[in-house]
Structures are given as structure tokens and as C-alpha cells.
Amino acid sequence: MNGDAKSVQGYLEKTIPPEICKISGVKVDGNKIIYSAACGAQPAKVITTLYHGASSEGTDSTGSKTDGKLIGACK
């Protein structure tokens, strides 16, 4: 993820359609992105993701954790 908060929010809304989750409060601080996602009837979650070159790790306000790693060229 590169760019300012507006471009990151646009990417998230393209990836996660607004009818599935409403994305709000996007903040970009260096390699960290924080935003809220309200999905369906569930309460909104705050998601924090840290990017480290070709990998990332994230948590949300419910305690869920994610990690990712680039495994090939982007298409």
C-alpha cells in the first residue's frame, strides 16, 4: 500500500465494496495504515497494518491477527 489516506481509502473501497463493509477513518503514518471497517450488522473494527517491504502484519480491535508475504510479481 502506497499513497496518502485518500488513495488508500479508494483502494480499500475498490477491494472491499461499500455494500460489504463501510471503510472510514483511514490514516497513513509511514509504513502503518489504520482504518475502521463496519461490515454487515457487526460493530466496526479498527484495523492496523504494518508493512515491511514484501511482508505485512496486522491486528484488529477484536484481537484477530494477519500476516502476509509477497510471493510473486504484482499483476
N, C-alpha and C. Protein backbone atom coordinates (compact mmCIF):
# COMPACT_ATOMS: atom_id res chain seq x y z
N MET A 1 0.85 -1.17 0.00
CA MET A 1 0.00 0.00 0.00
C MET A 1 0.89 1.23 0.00
N ASN A 2 0.71 2.02 -0.99
CA ASN A 2 1.44 3.28 -1.07
C ASN A 2 0.45 4.40 -1.27
N GLY A 3 0.82 5.58 -0.81
CA GLY A 3 -0.01 6.73 -1.06
C GLY A 3 -0.53 7.37 0.20
N ASP A 4 -1.33 8.39 -0.01
CA ASP A 4 -1.92 9.12 1.11
C ASP A 4 -3.21 8.43 1.54
N ALA A 5 -3.81 8.96 2.60
CA ALA A 5 -5.03 8.34 3.16
C ALA A 5 -6.15 8.25 2.13
N LYS A 6 -6.30 9.26 1.29
CA LYS A 6 -7.38 9.25 0.30
C LYS A 6 -7.19 8.13 -0.72
N SER A 7 -5.95 7.95 -1.21
CA SER A 7 -5.72 6.89 -2.20
C SER A 7 -5.83 5.51 -1.56
N VAL A 8 -5.37 5.36 -0.32
CA VAL A 8 -5.51 4.08 0.38
C VAL A 8 -6.98 3.76 0.60
N GLN A 9 -7.78 4.75 1.00
CA GLN A 9 -9.21 4.51 1.20
C GLN A 9 -9.86 4.10 -0.12
N GLY A 10 -9.49 4.75 -1.22
CA GLY A 10 -10.02 4.38 -2.53
C GLY A 10 -9.69 2.94 -2.89
N TYR A 11 -8.45 2.53 -2.62
CA TYR A 11 -8.05 1.15 -2.88
C TYR A 11 -8.86 0.17 -2.02
N LEU A 12 -8.99 0.47 -0.72
CA LEU A 12 -9.74 -0.41 0.17
C LEU A 12 -11.20 -0.53 -0.27
N GLU A 13 -11.80 0.58 -0.68
CA GLU A 13 -13.20 0.55 -1.11
C GLU A 13 -13.37 -0.19 -2.43
N LYS A 14 -12.33 -0.22 -3.26
CA LYS A 14 -12.38 -0.97 -4.51
C LYS A 14 -12.23 -2.47 -4.20
N THR A 15 -11.37 -2.79 -3.24
CA THR A 15 -11.11 -4.18 -2.86
C THR A 15 -12.25 -4.76 -2.01
N ILE A 16 -12.78 -3.94 -1.11
CA ILE A 16 -13.88 -4.35 -0.22
C ILE A 16 -15.06 -3.43 -0.53
N PRO A 17 -15.97 -3.85 -1.39
CA PRO A 17 -17.07 -2.97 -1.81
C PRO A 17 -17.87 -2.40 -0.63
N PRO A 18 -18.30 -1.14 -0.73
CA PRO A 18 -19.04 -0.48 0.35
C PRO A 18 -20.29 -1.22 0.79
N GLU A 19 -20.91 -2.00 -0.09
CA GLU A 19 -22.09 -2.75 0.32
C GLU A 19 -21.73 -3.92 1.24
N ILE A 20 -20.45 -4.29 1.29
CA ILE A 20 -19.97 -5.34 2.21
C ILE A 20 -19.46 -4.72 3.51
N CYS A 21 -18.57 -3.73 3.40
CA CYS A 21 -18.01 -3.05 4.58
C CYS A 21 -17.87 -1.56 4.29
N LYS A 22 -18.22 -0.75 5.27
CA LYS A 22 -18.01 0.69 5.16
C LYS A 22 -16.67 1.01 5.79
N ILE A 23 -15.76 1.57 4.98
CA ILE A 23 -14.42 1.93 5.43
C ILE A 23 -14.41 3.41 5.81
N SER A 24 -13.81 3.71 6.96
CA SER A 24 -13.74 5.11 7.39
C SER A 24 -12.49 5.34 8.24
N GLY A 25 -12.18 6.59 8.47
CA GLY A 25 -11.09 6.97 9.37
C GLY A 25 -9.73 6.47 8.94
N VAL A 26 -9.46 6.44 7.63
CA VAL A 26 -8.17 5.93 7.15
C VAL A 26 -7.06 6.91 7.52
N LYS A 27 -6.00 6.38 8.15
CA LYS A 27 -4.82 7.18 8.50
C LYS A 27 -3.59 6.43 8.01
N VAL A 28 -2.66 7.17 7.41
CA VAL A 28 -1.40 6.60 6.94
C VAL A 28 -0.28 7.30 7.69
N ASP A 29 0.60 6.50 8.31
CA ASP A 29 1.72 7.05 9.06
C ASP A 29 2.95 6.20 8.74
N GLY A 30 3.71 6.61 7.72
CA GLY A 30 4.87 5.83 7.31
C GLY A 30 4.45 4.47 6.78
N ASN A 31 4.91 3.40 7.45
CA ASN A 31 4.57 2.05 6.99
C ASN A 31 3.34 1.48 7.70
N LYS A 32 2.59 2.33 8.41
CA LYS A 32 1.42 1.88 9.16
C LYS A 32 0.14 2.49 8.59
N ILE A 33 -0.88 1.64 8.42
CA ILE A 33 -2.20 2.10 7.98
C ILE A 33 -3.22 1.66 9.03
N ILE A 34 -4.06 2.61 9.44
CA ILE A 34 -5.10 2.35 10.43
C ILE A 34 -6.43 2.80 9.82
N TYR A 35 -7.47 1.98 9.95
CA TYR A 35 -8.79 2.37 9.47
C TYR A 35 -9.86 1.59 10.23
N SER A 36 -11.10 2.06 10.11
CA SER A 36 -12.25 1.37 10.69
C SER A 36 -13.05 0.72 9.57
N ALA A 37 -13.59 -0.45 9.86
CA ALA A 37 -14.44 -1.16 8.90
C ALA A 37 -15.67 -1.67 9.63
N ALA A 38 -16.84 -1.24 9.15
CA ALA A 38 -18.12 -1.72 9.67
C ALA A 38 -18.71 -2.65 8.62
N CYS A 39 -18.80 -3.93 8.95
CA CYS A 39 -19.23 -4.95 7.99
C CYS A 39 -20.54 -5.57 8.44
N GLY A 40 -21.56 -5.44 7.61
CA GLY A 40 -22.87 -6.00 7.93
C GLY A 40 -23.41 -5.45 9.23
N ALA A 41 -23.97 -6.32 10.05
CA ALA A 41 -24.55 -5.91 11.33
C ALA A 41 -23.53 -5.91 12.47
N GLN A 42 -22.28 -6.26 12.15
CA GLN A 42 -21.24 -6.31 13.17
C GLN A 42 -20.79 -4.90 13.56
N PRO A 43 -20.34 -4.72 14.81
CA PRO A 43 -19.78 -3.42 15.19
C PRO A 43 -18.50 -3.14 14.40
N ALA A 44 -18.20 -1.89 14.23
CA ALA A 44 -16.99 -1.50 13.49
C ALA A 44 -15.74 -2.02 14.20
N LYS A 45 -14.75 -2.41 13.39
CA LYS A 45 -13.45 -2.84 13.89
C LYS A 45 -12.42 -1.80 13.48
N VAL A 46 -11.40 -1.63 14.29
CA VAL A 46 -10.26 -0.80 13.93
C VAL A 46 -9.15 -1.75 13.50
N ILE A 47 -8.67 -1.57 12.28
CA ILE A 47 -7.64 -2.44 11.71
C ILE A 47 -6.34 -1.65 11.61
N THR A 48 -5.25 -2.25 12.06
CA THR A 48 -3.92 -1.65 11.98
C THR A 48 -3.02 -2.63 11.24
N THR A 49 -2.37 -2.15 10.17
CA THR A 49 -1.47 -2.99 9.39
C THR A 49 -0.13 -2.29 9.26
N LEU A 50 0.95 -3.04 9.51
CA LEU A 50 2.32 -2.55 9.33
C LEU A 50 2.92 -3.25 8.12
N TYR A 51 3.54 -2.47 7.23
CA TYR A 51 4.15 -3.01 6.03
C TYR A 51 5.66 -2.96 6.17
N HIS A 52 6.31 -4.07 5.78
CA HIS A 52 7.76 -4.20 5.87
C HIS A 52 8.27 -4.70 4.51
N GLY A 53 8.39 -3.82 3.55
CA GLY A 53 8.86 -4.25 2.23
C GLY A 53 7.90 -5.23 1.60
N ALA A 54 8.30 -6.50 1.53
CA ALA A 54 7.49 -7.53 0.87
C ALA A 54 6.62 -8.32 1.85
N SER A 55 6.45 -7.80 3.07
CA SER A 55 5.59 -8.51 4.03
C SER A 55 4.77 -7.51 4.83
N SER A 56 3.76 -8.03 5.51
CA SER A 56 2.91 -7.18 6.35
C SER A 56 2.40 -8.00 7.53
N GLU A 57 1.99 -7.27 8.56
CA GLU A 57 1.35 -7.90 9.72
C GLU A 57 0.28 -6.95 10.21
N GLY A 58 -0.82 -7.51 10.68
CA GLY A 58 -1.93 -6.67 11.10
C GLY A 58 -2.68 -7.24 12.28
N THR A 59 -3.41 -6.35 12.93
CA THR A 59 -4.29 -6.73 14.02
C THR A 59 -5.57 -5.92 13.90
N ASP A 60 -6.63 -6.40 14.54
CA ASP A 60 -7.84 -5.57 14.62
C ASP A 60 -8.28 -5.49 16.06
N SER A 61 -9.26 -4.66 16.31
CA SER A 61 -9.71 -4.38 17.67
C SER A 61 -10.39 -5.55 18.35
N THR A 62 -10.63 -6.65 17.61
CA THR A 62 -11.19 -7.85 18.24
C THR A 62 -10.10 -8.84 18.64
N GLY A 63 -8.84 -8.52 18.30
CA GLY A 63 -7.73 -9.40 18.62
C GLY A 63 -7.28 -10.29 17.49
N SER A 64 -7.97 -10.25 16.36
CA SER A 64 -7.56 -11.05 15.20
C SER A 64 -6.24 -10.55 14.66
N LYS A 65 -5.42 -11.48 14.15
CA LYS A 65 -4.12 -11.12 13.60
C LYS A 65 -4.01 -11.67 12.18
N THR A 66 -3.25 -10.93 11.35
CA THR A 66 -2.98 -11.37 9.98
C THR A 66 -1.50 -11.16 9.70
N ASP A 67 -1.00 -11.90 8.73
CA ASP A 67 0.32 -11.61 8.20
C ASP A 67 0.31 -12.00 6.74
N GLY A 68 1.16 -11.35 5.98
CA GLY A 68 1.22 -11.60 4.55
C GLY A 68 2.62 -11.46 4.03
N LYS A 69 2.86 -12.07 2.88
CA LYS A 69 4.17 -12.03 2.25
C LYS A 69 3.98 -12.05 0.74
N LEU A 70 4.68 -11.18 0.04
CA LEU A 70 4.64 -11.16 -1.41
C LEU A 70 5.29 -12.44 -1.92
N ILE A 71 4.59 -13.15 -2.79
CA ILE A 71 5.13 -14.40 -3.31
C ILE A 71 5.38 -14.35 -4.82
N GLY A 72 5.16 -13.22 -5.42
CA GLY A 72 5.40 -13.09 -6.84
C GLY A 72 5.14 -11.67 -7.29
N ALA A 73 5.41 -11.43 -8.54
CA ALA A 73 5.20 -10.09 -9.11
C ALA A 73 3.71 -9.74 -9.11
N CYS A 74 3.41 -8.47 -8.86
CA CYS A 74 2.03 -8.00 -8.92
C CYS A 74 1.59 -7.95 -10.37
N LYS A 75 0.32 -8.26 -10.62
CA LYS A 75 -0.21 -8.24 -11.99
C LYS A 75 -1.23 -7.15 -12.11
